[in-house]
């Protein structure tokens, strides 16, 4: 499964079956706040949200960003 980082939209995306799964974030200086995770109902239970969060956290760590999560789902991984 391919996670795309759309920096211009501040989000990570997985496209599957014509639908988008999304992890949104806000970047301010050296802090990233993961604000929202969404997986369409028909695609839930397949590990897509976890894949998005993993990609987002790897990116944040690789770029030495301070991680904040206002999204309850992302908080589970911190």
Protein backbone atom coordinates (compact mmCIF):
# COMPACT_ATOMS: atom_id res chain seq x y z
CA UNK A 1 0.00 0.00 0.00
CA UNK A 2 1.29 3.39 -0.98
CA UNK A 3 1.20 6.33 1.42
CA UNK A 4 1.61 9.69 -0.32
CA UNK A 5 2.84 12.74 1.55
CA UNK A 6 1.08 15.77 0.12
CA UNK A 7 3.14 18.53 1.73
CA UNK A 8 1.22 21.29 -0.06
CA UNK A 9 -1.98 20.06 1.64
CA UNK A 10 -0.29 19.09 4.94
CA UNK A 11 -1.51 15.52 4.85
CA UNK A 12 -0.67 11.89 4.26
CA UNK A 13 -3.00 9.96 1.94
CA UNK A 14 -3.74 6.39 0.91
CA UNK A 15 -5.97 6.02 -2.13
CA UNK A 16 -7.85 2.75 -2.34
CA UNK A 17 -10.97 1.70 -4.24
CA UNK A 18 -11.45 5.29 -5.42
CA UNK A 19 -11.56 6.62 -1.86
CA UNK A 20 -9.08 8.60 0.23
CA UNK A 21 -7.80 7.76 3.70
CA UNK A 22 -6.20 10.83 5.27
CA UNK A 23 -3.95 11.94 8.12
CA UNK A 24 -3.95 15.75 8.42
CA UNK A 25 -1.36 17.81 10.26
CA UNK A 26 -0.35 21.38 11.03
CA UNK A 27 3.35 22.26 10.87
CA UNK A 28 4.56 25.31 12.81
CA UNK A 29 8.30 25.75 13.01
CA UNK A 30 9.74 22.54 14.44
CA UNK A 31 6.41 21.27 15.82
CA UNK A 32 3.92 19.08 14.01
CA UNK A 33 0.39 18.57 15.30
CA UNK A 34 -1.45 15.58 13.86
CA UNK A 35 -5.01 16.87 13.86
CA UNK A 36 -7.27 14.39 12.09
CA UNK A 37 -7.34 10.83 10.80
CA UNK A 38 -10.09 9.63 8.47
CA UNK A 39 -10.78 6.28 6.82
CA UNK A 40 -14.03 5.81 4.87
CA UNK A 41 -16.37 3.33 6.55
CA UNK A 42 -16.05 0.75 3.76
CA UNK A 43 -12.26 0.62 4.22
CA UNK A 44 -12.09 0.43 8.02
CA UNK A 45 -10.55 -2.51 9.79
CA UNK A 46 -7.77 -2.98 7.23
CA UNK A 47 -4.97 -1.20 9.10
CA UNK A 48 -5.01 1.84 6.81
CA UNK A 49 -5.19 4.42 9.60
CA UNK A 50 -2.31 2.71 11.38
CA UNK A 51 -0.28 2.80 8.16
CA UNK A 52 -0.96 6.54 7.79
CA UNK A 53 0.03 7.27 11.39
CA UNK A 54 3.19 5.18 11.06
CA UNK A 55 4.21 7.14 7.97
CA UNK A 56 3.46 10.46 9.64
CA UNK A 57 5.43 9.62 12.77
CA UNK A 58 8.40 8.33 10.77
CA UNK A 59 8.44 11.56 8.77
CA UNK A 60 8.26 13.66 11.95
CA UNK A 61 11.09 11.72 13.58
CA UNK A 62 13.27 11.80 10.45
CA UNK A 63 12.88 15.59 10.41
CA UNK A 64 13.47 16.01 14.16
CA UNK A 65 10.04 17.56 14.70
CA UNK A 66 8.37 17.86 18.08
CA UNK A 67 5.23 15.75 17.85
CA UNK A 68 1.84 16.78 19.19
CA UNK A 69 -1.44 15.01 18.53
CA UNK A 70 -4.83 16.59 18.94
CA UNK A 71 -6.23 13.55 17.10
CA UNK A 72 -7.30 10.82 19.55
CA UNK A 73 -6.22 8.07 17.18
CA UNK A 74 -2.67 9.38 16.78
CA UNK A 75 -2.39 9.78 20.59
CA UNK A 76 -2.66 5.99 20.90
CA UNK A 77 0.74 5.67 19.18
CA UNK A 78 2.62 8.23 21.29
